[in-house]
């Protein structure tokens, strides 16, 4: 009797949660749409909770990279929404641009470490993480300098990042169907 267990690939779920949420937020960063409940709800549920769920499933597949990336970026999305919502309801004062810049910079450094880990992975994964490093650095520069052009450029660059993740998720899903 074969006791081997087969687990589904949680990668497409995590990549779609990341990619779709990243696209929505960066439509805002690029100045194409206003910040609204669609972005925040997507950030909490699909960008946040679904990615954390995908990360936990990666643990059971023995994928340390997937566990680390999906649970971390899931936590990022939840914390990002809280950074916006908590001050709005008067729970705590809004963070200064310098502190938000530091928040984005530390995520950029973390992402650069993950990018280095992708150098032994697919080119698609390398593109996602390389563009995400650039995205975080551009967003941090916008906060540190107060120059909105950095955020606008980041928005368009972030669309590339988000759609890259959607592409890889689709590719992995379609490979399952073969």
N, C-alpha and C. Protein backbone atom coordinates (compact mmCIF):
# COMPACT_ATOMS: atom_id res chain seq x y z
N UNK A 1 0.84 -1.19 0.00
CA UNK A 1 0.00 0.00 0.00
C UNK A 1 0.88 1.25 0.00
N UNK A 2 0.49 2.22 -0.78
CA UNK A 2 1.25 3.45 -0.91
C UNK A 2 0.74 4.46 0.12
N UNK A 3 1.62 4.85 1.05
CA UNK A 3 1.26 5.82 2.09
C UNK A 3 1.66 7.24 1.72
N UNK A 4 2.14 7.43 0.49
CA UNK A 4 2.56 8.76 0.06
C UNK A 4 1.35 9.70 0.01
N UNK A 5 1.55 10.90 0.55
CA UNK A 5 0.47 11.89 0.55
C UNK A 5 0.72 12.88 -0.58
N UNK A 6 -0.35 13.32 -1.19
CA UNK A 6 -0.26 14.32 -2.24
C UNK A 6 -0.96 15.58 -1.78
N UNK A 7 -0.25 16.68 -1.86
CA UNK A 7 -0.81 17.95 -1.46
C UNK A 7 -0.94 18.84 -2.68
N UNK A 8 -1.94 19.67 -2.68
CA UNK A 8 -2.12 20.64 -3.75
C UNK A 8 -1.05 21.72 -3.64
N UNK A 9 -0.80 22.39 -4.73
CA UNK A 9 0.15 23.49 -4.77
C UNK A 9 -0.56 24.78 -4.33
N UNK A 10 -0.20 25.33 -3.17
CA UNK A 10 -0.84 26.57 -2.71
C UNK A 10 -0.25 27.82 -3.39
N UNK A 11 0.78 27.63 -4.20
CA UNK A 11 1.44 28.76 -4.85
C UNK A 11 0.50 29.66 -5.64
N UNK A 12 -0.35 29.09 -6.52
CA UNK A 12 -1.25 29.96 -7.28
C UNK A 12 -2.18 30.80 -6.41
N UNK A 13 -2.66 30.24 -5.31
CA UNK A 13 -3.51 31.00 -4.39
C UNK A 13 -2.73 32.18 -3.82
N UNK A 14 -1.54 31.92 -3.31
CA UNK A 14 -0.73 32.99 -2.74
C UNK A 14 -0.33 34.03 -3.77
N UNK A 15 0.05 33.56 -4.96
CA UNK A 15 0.46 34.50 -6.02
C UNK A 15 -0.71 35.36 -6.48
N UNK A 16 -1.90 34.77 -6.60
CA UNK A 16 -3.07 35.56 -6.99
C UNK A 16 -3.44 36.55 -5.89
N UNK A 17 -3.38 36.11 -4.63
CA UNK A 17 -3.66 37.02 -3.53
C UNK A 17 -2.71 38.20 -3.53
N UNK A 18 -1.44 37.92 -3.76
CA UNK A 18 -0.44 38.98 -3.84
C UNK A 18 -0.64 39.84 -5.08
N UNK A 19 -0.74 39.18 -6.23
CA UNK A 19 -0.78 39.90 -7.50
C UNK A 19 -2.00 40.77 -7.67
N UNK A 20 -3.17 40.22 -7.40
CA UNK A 20 -4.39 41.00 -7.59
C UNK A 20 -4.47 42.19 -6.63
N UNK A 21 -4.03 41.99 -5.40
CA UNK A 21 -4.04 43.08 -4.42
C UNK A 21 -3.02 44.14 -4.80
N UNK A 22 -1.86 43.70 -5.28
CA UNK A 22 -0.81 44.63 -5.70
C UNK A 22 -1.28 45.46 -6.89
N UNK A 23 -1.97 44.84 -7.83
CA UNK A 23 -2.50 45.59 -8.97
C UNK A 23 -3.48 46.66 -8.49
N UNK A 24 -4.43 46.28 -7.64
CA UNK A 24 -5.42 47.26 -7.17
C UNK A 24 -4.76 48.44 -6.46
N UNK A 25 -3.85 48.16 -5.53
CA UNK A 25 -3.20 49.24 -4.80
C UNK A 25 -2.40 50.14 -5.74
N UNK A 26 -1.75 49.54 -6.72
CA UNK A 26 -0.90 50.35 -7.59
C UNK A 26 -1.67 51.11 -8.66
N UNK A 27 -2.92 50.72 -8.91
CA UNK A 27 -3.79 51.59 -9.70
C UNK A 27 -3.98 52.91 -8.95
N UNK A 28 -4.08 52.81 -7.62
CA UNK A 28 -4.18 54.01 -6.79
C UNK A 28 -2.85 54.77 -6.78
N UNK A 29 -1.74 54.05 -6.55
CA UNK A 29 -0.44 54.72 -6.50
C UNK A 29 -0.12 55.45 -7.81
N UNK A 30 -0.54 54.88 -8.93
CA UNK A 30 -0.30 55.49 -10.24
C UNK A 30 -1.23 56.68 -10.49
N UNK A 31 -2.18 56.90 -9.59
CA UNK A 31 -3.10 58.02 -9.74
C UNK A 31 -4.28 57.72 -10.64
N UNK A 32 -4.55 56.45 -10.91
CA UNK A 32 -5.63 56.08 -11.82
C UNK A 32 -6.97 55.89 -11.11
N UNK A 33 -6.94 55.56 -9.81
CA UNK A 33 -8.16 55.40 -9.02
C UNK A 33 -7.90 55.97 -7.61
N UNK A 34 -8.99 56.28 -6.92
CA UNK A 34 -8.88 56.74 -5.54
C UNK A 34 -8.75 55.55 -4.60
N UNK A 35 -8.16 55.80 -3.42
CA UNK A 35 -8.13 54.77 -2.39
C UNK A 35 -9.56 54.53 -1.95
N UNK A 36 -9.92 53.27 -1.80
CA UNK A 36 -11.29 52.97 -1.39
C UNK A 36 -11.40 51.61 -0.74
N UNK A 37 -12.62 51.28 -0.39
CA UNK A 37 -12.87 50.04 0.34
C UNK A 37 -12.51 48.80 -0.48
N UNK A 38 -12.58 48.87 -1.81
CA UNK A 38 -12.21 47.70 -2.62
C UNK A 38 -10.75 47.34 -2.41
N UNK A 39 -9.89 48.32 -2.33
CA UNK A 39 -8.46 48.07 -2.12
C UNK A 39 -8.23 47.55 -0.71
N UNK A 40 -8.84 48.20 0.28
CA UNK A 40 -8.62 47.79 1.67
C UNK A 40 -9.20 46.41 1.96
N UNK A 41 -10.39 46.13 1.45
CA UNK A 41 -10.98 44.81 1.66
C UNK A 41 -10.15 43.73 0.98
N UNK A 42 -9.71 43.99 -0.23
CA UNK A 42 -8.85 43.03 -0.94
C UNK A 42 -7.56 42.82 -0.15
N UNK A 43 -7.01 43.90 0.40
CA UNK A 43 -5.79 43.79 1.20
C UNK A 43 -5.95 42.91 2.42
N UNK A 44 -7.07 43.06 3.11
CA UNK A 44 -7.31 42.24 4.31
C UNK A 44 -7.58 40.78 3.97
N UNK A 45 -8.46 40.55 3.03
CA UNK A 45 -8.96 39.19 2.80
C UNK A 45 -8.08 38.39 1.85
N UNK A 46 -7.84 38.92 0.65
CA UNK A 46 -7.10 38.12 -0.34
C UNK A 46 -5.60 38.34 -0.22
N UNK A 47 -5.19 39.61 -0.08
CA UNK A 47 -3.77 39.89 0.09
C UNK A 47 -3.26 39.42 1.45
N UNK A 48 -4.10 39.55 2.47
CA UNK A 48 -3.69 39.19 3.82
C UNK A 48 -4.00 37.76 4.19
N UNK A 49 -5.26 37.47 4.46
CA UNK A 49 -5.64 36.16 4.98
C UNK A 49 -5.35 35.02 4.02
N UNK A 50 -5.68 35.19 2.74
CA UNK A 50 -5.46 34.10 1.79
C UNK A 50 -3.98 33.79 1.61
N UNK A 51 -3.14 34.83 1.64
CA UNK A 51 -1.70 34.58 1.52
C UNK A 51 -1.16 33.88 2.76
N UNK A 52 -1.62 34.27 3.92
CA UNK A 52 -1.18 33.57 5.13
C UNK A 52 -1.60 32.10 5.07
N UNK A 53 -2.83 31.85 4.62
CA UNK A 53 -3.30 30.48 4.46
C UNK A 53 -2.42 29.72 3.47
N UNK A 54 -2.08 30.36 2.35
CA UNK A 54 -1.20 29.72 1.36
C UNK A 54 0.17 29.43 1.97
N UNK A 55 0.67 30.37 2.77
CA UNK A 55 1.96 30.17 3.42
C UNK A 55 1.95 28.99 4.38
N UNK A 56 0.89 28.85 5.13
CA UNK A 56 0.77 27.71 6.05
C UNK A 56 0.73 26.40 5.26
N UNK A 57 0.02 26.41 4.15
CA UNK A 57 -0.02 25.20 3.30
C UNK A 57 1.36 24.90 2.71
N UNK A 58 2.14 25.94 2.42
CA UNK A 58 3.51 25.72 1.92
C UNK A 58 4.36 25.02 2.98
N UNK A 59 4.09 25.28 4.25
CA UNK A 59 4.79 24.59 5.33
C UNK A 59 4.62 23.08 5.19
N UNK A 60 3.39 22.66 4.94
CA UNK A 60 3.10 21.22 4.83
C UNK A 60 3.69 20.61 3.56
N UNK A 61 4.01 21.45 2.60
CA UNK A 61 4.70 20.99 1.39
C UNK A 61 6.22 21.03 1.57
N UNK A 62 6.68 21.50 2.72
CA UNK A 62 8.11 21.57 2.98
C UNK A 62 8.80 22.71 2.26
N UNK A 63 8.05 23.73 1.88
CA UNK A 63 8.59 24.86 1.11
C UNK A 63 8.82 26.05 2.04
N UNK A 64 10.03 26.18 2.53
CA UNK A 64 10.37 27.26 3.46
C UNK A 64 10.23 28.62 2.79
N UNK A 65 10.66 28.72 1.53
CA UNK A 65 10.54 29.99 0.81
C UNK A 65 9.07 30.40 0.70
N UNK A 66 8.21 29.50 0.26
CA UNK A 66 6.79 29.80 0.12
C UNK A 66 6.16 30.15 1.45
N UNK A 67 6.51 29.42 2.50
CA UNK A 67 6.01 29.71 3.84
C UNK A 67 6.40 31.13 4.25
N UNK A 68 7.66 31.46 4.08
CA UNK A 68 8.17 32.76 4.50
C UNK A 68 7.56 33.89 3.67
N UNK A 69 7.57 33.73 2.36
CA UNK A 69 7.08 34.80 1.49
C UNK A 69 5.58 35.03 1.67
N UNK A 70 4.78 33.98 1.56
CA UNK A 70 3.33 34.18 1.61
C UNK A 70 2.85 34.65 2.97
N UNK A 71 3.35 34.07 4.06
CA UNK A 71 2.88 34.53 5.37
C UNK A 71 3.37 35.95 5.66
N UNK A 72 4.58 36.27 5.23
CA UNK A 72 5.10 37.62 5.46
C UNK A 72 4.32 38.66 4.69
N UNK A 73 4.10 38.43 3.40
CA UNK A 73 3.36 39.43 2.62
C UNK A 73 1.88 39.46 2.99
N UNK A 74 1.35 38.34 3.47
CA UNK A 74 0.00 38.37 4.02
C UNK A 74 -0.06 39.29 5.23
N UNK A 75 0.96 39.18 6.10
CA UNK A 75 1.03 40.06 7.26
C UNK A 75 1.27 41.51 6.83
N UNK A 76 2.05 41.70 5.77
CA UNK A 76 2.25 43.05 5.24
C UNK A 76 0.91 43.68 4.88
N UNK A 77 0.08 42.95 4.12
CA UNK A 77 -1.18 43.53 3.66
C UNK A 77 -2.10 43.86 4.84
N UNK A 78 -2.14 42.99 5.82
CA UNK A 78 -2.98 43.28 6.99
C UNK A 78 -2.44 44.51 7.74
N UNK A 79 -1.13 44.57 7.92
CA UNK A 79 -0.56 45.73 8.61
C UNK A 79 -0.75 47.00 7.80
N UNK A 80 -0.66 46.91 6.48
CA UNK A 80 -0.86 48.08 5.63
C UNK A 80 -2.27 48.64 5.79
N UNK A 81 -3.26 47.75 5.78
CA UNK A 81 -4.64 48.19 5.95
C UNK A 81 -4.81 48.83 7.34
N UNK A 82 -4.22 48.22 8.35
CA UNK A 82 -4.33 48.78 9.70
C UNK A 82 -3.66 50.15 9.80
N UNK A 83 -2.56 50.37 9.07
CA UNK A 83 -1.90 51.68 9.06
C UNK A 83 -2.83 52.77 8.54
N UNK A 84 -3.72 52.40 7.64
CA UNK A 84 -4.68 53.35 7.08
C UNK A 84 -5.92 53.48 7.96
N UNK A 85 -6.45 52.35 8.42
CA UNK A 85 -7.75 52.34 9.10
C UNK A 85 -7.66 52.81 10.55
N UNK A 86 -6.66 52.37 11.30
CA UNK A 86 -6.60 52.73 12.72
C UNK A 86 -6.57 54.24 12.95
N UNK A 87 -5.75 55.00 12.25
CA UNK A 87 -5.79 56.46 12.46
C UNK A 87 -7.13 57.07 12.03
N UNK A 88 -7.74 56.50 10.99
CA UNK A 88 -9.02 57.02 10.50
C UNK A 88 -10.10 56.96 11.59
N UNK A 89 -10.03 55.92 12.42
CA UNK A 89 -11.02 55.76 13.49
C UNK A 89 -10.52 56.32 14.82
N UNK A 90 -9.38 56.99 14.80
CA UNK A 90 -8.88 57.63 16.00
C UNK A 90 -8.30 56.68 17.03
N UNK A 91 -7.99 55.46 16.62
CA UNK A 91 -7.43 54.48 17.55
C UNK A 91 -6.00 54.86 17.91
N UNK A 92 -5.27 55.37 16.94
CA UNK A 92 -3.89 55.79 17.14
C UNK A 92 -3.56 56.83 16.09
N UNK A 93 -2.61 57.68 16.39
CA UNK A 93 -2.23 58.73 15.43
C UNK A 93 -1.56 58.10 14.20
N UNK A 94 -1.72 58.78 13.08
CA UNK A 94 -1.08 58.32 11.85
C UNK A 94 0.44 58.42 11.99
N UNK A 95 1.14 57.52 11.32
CA UNK A 95 2.60 57.54 11.33
C UNK A 95 3.12 58.67 10.45
N UNK A 96 4.27 59.18 10.81
CA UNK A 96 4.90 60.24 10.02
C UNK A 96 5.39 59.68 8.69
N UNK A 97 5.59 60.55 7.69
CA UNK A 97 6.17 60.06 6.44
C UNK A 97 7.52 59.36 6.64
N UNK A 98 8.33 59.85 7.56
CA UNK A 98 9.62 59.21 7.82
C UNK A 98 9.44 57.79 8.35
N UNK A 99 8.43 57.59 9.20
CA UNK A 99 8.19 56.26 9.74
C UNK A 99 7.60 55.34 8.67
N UNK A 100 6.69 55.86 7.85
CA UNK A 100 6.15 55.05 6.75
C UNK A 100 7.26 54.72 5.76
N UNK A 101 8.12 55.68 5.48
CA UNK A 101 9.27 55.42 4.61
C UNK A 101 10.16 54.33 5.17
N UNK A 102 10.38 54.35 6.47
CA UNK A 102 11.18 53.31 7.13
C UNK A 102 10.50 51.95 7.04
N UNK A 103 9.19 51.93 7.23
CA UNK A 103 8.37 50.71 7.11
C UNK A 103 8.55 50.12 5.71
N UNK A 104 8.43 50.97 4.69
CA UNK A 104 8.56 50.50 3.31
C UNK A 104 10.00 50.07 3.00
N UNK A 105 10.97 50.80 3.53
CA UNK A 105 12.37 50.46 3.30
C UNK A 105 12.72 49.10 3.91
N UNK A 106 12.25 48.83 5.12
CA UNK A 106 12.56 47.55 5.75
C UNK A 106 11.91 46.40 4.99
N UNK A 107 10.71 46.64 4.43
CA UNK A 107 10.09 45.62 3.57
C UNK A 107 10.90 45.45 2.29
N UNK A 108 11.48 46.52 1.80
CA UNK A 108 12.34 46.42 0.61
C UNK A 108 13.59 45.60 0.89
N UNK A 109 14.17 45.79 2.05
CA UNK A 109 15.37 45.01 2.43
C UNK A 109 15.00 43.54 2.58
N UNK A 110 13.90 43.26 3.26
CA UNK A 110 13.43 41.88 3.40
C UNK A 110 13.19 41.25 2.03
N UNK A 111 12.57 42.01 1.14
CA UNK A 111 12.27 41.51 -0.20
C UNK A 111 13.55 41.27 -0.99
N UNK A 112 14.57 42.10 -0.80
CA UNK A 112 15.85 41.89 -1.48
C UNK A 112 16.48 40.56 -1.05
N UNK A 113 16.33 40.21 0.22
CA UNK A 113 16.83 38.92 0.70
C UNK A 113 16.07 37.79 0.01
N UNK A 114 14.75 37.92 -0.06
CA UNK A 114 13.95 36.90 -0.75
C UNK A 114 14.30 36.85 -2.24
N UNK A 115 14.56 38.01 -2.84
CA UNK A 115 14.96 38.03 -4.26
C UNK A 115 16.23 37.20 -4.46
N UNK A 116 17.19 37.36 -3.57
CA UNK A 116 18.43 36.58 -3.70
C UNK A 116 18.13 35.08 -3.67
N UNK A 117 17.15 34.68 -2.87
CA UNK A 117 16.77 33.27 -2.80
C UNK A 117 16.12 32.80 -4.10
N UNK A 118 15.54 33.73 -4.88
CA UNK A 118 14.89 33.33 -6.14
C UNK A 118 15.91 33.09 -7.26
N UNK A 119 17.17 33.42 -7.05
CA UNK A 119 18.15 33.27 -8.12
C UNK A 119 18.34 31.81 -8.53
N UNK A 120 17.88 30.90 -7.70
CA UNK A 120 17.91 29.47 -8.05
C UNK A 120 16.54 28.97 -8.47
N UNK A 121 15.60 29.91 -8.66
CA UNK A 121 14.22 29.56 -9.01
C UNK A 121 13.93 30.03 -10.44
N UNK A 122 12.67 30.04 -10.78
CA UNK A 122 12.25 30.41 -12.13
C UNK A 122 12.50 31.90 -12.41
N UNK A 123 12.64 32.22 -13.68
CA UNK A 123 12.80 33.62 -14.08
C UNK A 123 11.56 34.44 -13.71
N UNK A 124 10.38 33.82 -13.81
CA UNK A 124 9.15 34.52 -13.46
C UNK A 124 9.16 34.96 -11.99
N UNK A 125 9.61 34.06 -11.11
CA UNK A 125 9.68 34.41 -9.69
C UNK A 125 10.72 35.50 -9.45
N UNK A 126 11.82 35.44 -10.19
CA UNK A 126 12.84 36.48 -10.07
C UNK A 126 12.27 37.85 -10.47
N UNK A 127 11.47 37.88 -11.54
CA UNK A 127 10.87 39.15 -11.98
C UNK A 127 9.94 39.70 -10.90
N UNK A 128 9.12 38.84 -10.32
CA UNK A 128 8.19 39.29 -9.28
C UNK A 128 8.96 39.94 -8.14
N UNK A 129 9.98 39.27 -7.65
CA UNK A 129 10.69 39.80 -6.48
C UNK A 129 11.59 40.97 -6.82
N UNK A 130 12.19 40.99 -8.00
CA UNK A 130 13.00 42.14 -8.40
C UNK A 130 12.13 43.39 -8.52
N UNK A 131 10.96 43.24 -9.16
CA UNK A 131 10.08 44.40 -9.30
C UNK A 131 9.49 44.81 -7.95
N UNK A 132 9.33 43.87 -7.04
CA UNK A 132 8.82 44.21 -5.72
C UNK A 132 9.86 44.99 -4.92
N UNK A 133 11.13 44.62 -5.04
CA UNK A 133 12.20 45.39 -4.38
C UNK A 133 12.15 46.83 -4.88
N UNK A 134 12.09 47.00 -6.20
CA UNK A 134 12.05 48.34 -6.79
C UNK A 134 10.81 49.10 -6.31
N UNK A 135 9.68 48.41 -6.25
CA UNK A 135 8.44 49.04 -5.79
C UNK A 135 8.58 49.58 -4.38
N UNK A 136 9.07 48.76 -3.47
CA UNK A 136 9.23 49.21 -2.09
C UNK A 136 10.20 50.39 -2.00
N UNK A 137 11.30 50.34 -2.75
CA UNK A 137 12.28 51.43 -2.70
C UNK A 137 11.71 52.73 -3.26
N UNK A 138 10.95 52.63 -4.35
CA UNK A 138 10.32 53.84 -4.90
C UNK A 138 9.29 54.42 -3.94
N UNK A 139 8.49 53.56 -3.33
CA UNK A 139 7.50 54.04 -2.37
C UNK A 139 8.18 54.67 -1.15
N UNK A 140 9.25 54.06 -0.69
CA UNK A 140 10.00 54.63 0.44
C UNK A 140 10.57 55.99 0.06
N UNK A 141 11.12 56.10 -1.15
CA UNK A 141 11.68 57.38 -1.61
C UNK A 141 10.60 58.45 -1.65
N UNK A 142 9.39 58.07 -2.07
CA UNK A 142 8.29 59.03 -2.08
C UNK A 142 7.96 59.54 -0.69
N UNK A 143 7.98 58.65 0.29
CA UNK A 143 7.70 59.06 1.67
C UNK A 143 8.83 59.91 2.24
N UNK A 144 10.07 59.48 2.01
CA UNK A 144 11.21 60.21 2.57
C UNK A 144 11.37 61.61 1.97
N UNK A 145 11.10 61.74 0.67
CA UNK A 145 11.32 63.03 -0.01
C UNK A 145 10.08 63.90 -0.08
N UNK A 146 8.90 63.30 0.07
CA UNK A 146 7.67 64.06 -0.10
C UNK A 146 7.37 64.37 -1.56
N UNK A 147 8.08 63.75 -2.47
CA UNK A 147 7.88 63.97 -3.91
C UNK A 147 6.93 62.93 -4.47
N UNK A 148 5.71 63.33 -4.85
CA UNK A 148 4.71 62.37 -5.32
C UNK A 148 5.08 61.64 -6.61
N UNK A 149 6.04 62.16 -7.36
CA UNK A 149 6.44 61.50 -8.61
C UNK A 149 6.97 60.09 -8.33
N UNK A 150 7.62 59.89 -7.19
CA UNK A 150 8.12 58.56 -6.84
C UNK A 150 6.97 57.58 -6.66
N UNK A 151 5.92 58.03 -6.02
CA UNK A 151 4.75 57.16 -5.80
C UNK A 151 4.05 56.86 -7.12
N UNK A 152 3.96 57.85 -8.00
CA UNK A 152 3.33 57.63 -9.31
C UNK A 152 4.13 56.62 -10.13
N UNK A 153 5.44 56.80 -10.18
CA UNK A 153 6.30 55.85 -10.90
C UNK A 153 6.17 54.47 -10.26
N UNK A 154 6.17 54.43 -8.93
CA UNK A 154 6.01 53.16 -8.21
C UNK A 154 4.70 52.50 -8.61
N UNK A 155 3.65 53.28 -8.78
CA UNK A 155 2.35 52.72 -9.15
C UNK A 155 2.42 51.97 -10.47
N UNK A 156 3.03 52.58 -11.46
CA UNK A 156 3.13 51.90 -12.77
C UNK A 156 4.07 50.70 -12.70
N UNK A 157 5.16 50.85 -11.96
CA UNK A 157 6.09 49.73 -11.79
C UNK A 157 5.42 48.61 -10.99
N UNK A 158 4.59 48.98 -10.01
CA UNK A 158 3.87 48.00 -9.21
C UNK A 158 2.85 47.21 -10.01
N UNK A 159 2.31 47.83 -11.05
CA UNK A 159 1.40 47.10 -11.93
C UNK A 159 2.15 45.97 -12.64
N UNK A 160 3.38 46.22 -13.03
CA UNK A 160 4.21 45.18 -13.64
C UNK A 160 4.43 44.05 -12.64
N UNK A 161 4.74 44.41 -11.41
CA UNK A 161 4.97 43.42 -10.35
C UNK A 161 3.71 42.58 -10.13
N UNK A 162 2.59 43.24 -9.94
CA UNK A 162 1.34 42.53 -9.67
C UNK A 162 0.92 41.63 -10.82
N UNK A 163 0.99 42.14 -12.04
CA UNK A 163 0.61 41.32 -13.19
C UNK A 163 1.59 40.17 -13.41
N UNK A 164 2.85 40.36 -13.02
CA UNK A 164 3.83 39.26 -13.10
C UNK A 164 3.42 38.11 -12.18
N UNK A 165 2.95 38.45 -10.98
CA UNK A 165 2.50 37.42 -10.05
C UNK A 165 1.24 36.73 -10.57
N UNK A 166 0.34 37.49 -11.14
CA UNK A 166 -0.87 36.90 -11.72
C UNK A 166 -0.50 35.96 -12.87
N UNK A 167 0.45 36.37 -13.69
CA UNK A 167 0.91 35.53 -14.80
C UNK A 167 1.44 34.19 -14.28
N UNK A 168 2.32 34.24 -13.27
CA UNK A 168 2.91 33.00 -12.75
C UNK A 168 1.84 32.13 -12.11
N UNK A 169 0.89 32.73 -11.41
CA UNK A 169 -0.20 31.95 -10.82
C UNK A 169 -0.99 31.25 -11.92
N UNK A 170 -1.30 31.97 -12.97
CA UNK A 170 -2.03 31.37 -14.09
C UNK A 170 -1.24 30.26 -14.75
N UNK A 171 0.04 30.48 -14.93
CA UNK A 171 0.90 29.45 -15.53
C UNK A 171 0.88 28.18 -14.68
N UNK A 172 1.01 28.34 -13.36
CA UNK A 172 1.00 27.17 -12.47
C UNK A 172 -0.36 26.48 -12.47
N UNK A 173 -1.42 27.24 -12.50
CA UNK A 173 -2.76 26.64 -12.56
C UNK A 173 -2.99 25.87 -13.85
N UNK A 174 -2.55 26.42 -14.95
CA UNK A 174 -2.75 25.76 -16.24
C UNK A 174 -1.89 24.50 -16.37
N UNK A 175 -0.72 24.48 -15.72
CA UNK A 175 0.11 23.29 -15.74
C UNK A 175 -0.55 22.13 -14.99
N UNK A 176 -1.32 22.44 -13.98
CA UNK A 176 -2.04 21.41 -13.21
C UNK A 176 -3.05 20.72 -14.09
N UNK A 177 -3.63 21.44 -15.04
CA UNK A 177 -4.69 20.92 -15.87
C UNK A 177 -4.19 20.04 -17.02
N UNK A 178 -2.86 19.92 -17.18
CA UNK A 178 -2.33 19.11 -18.28
C UNK A 178 -2.45 17.63 -18.01
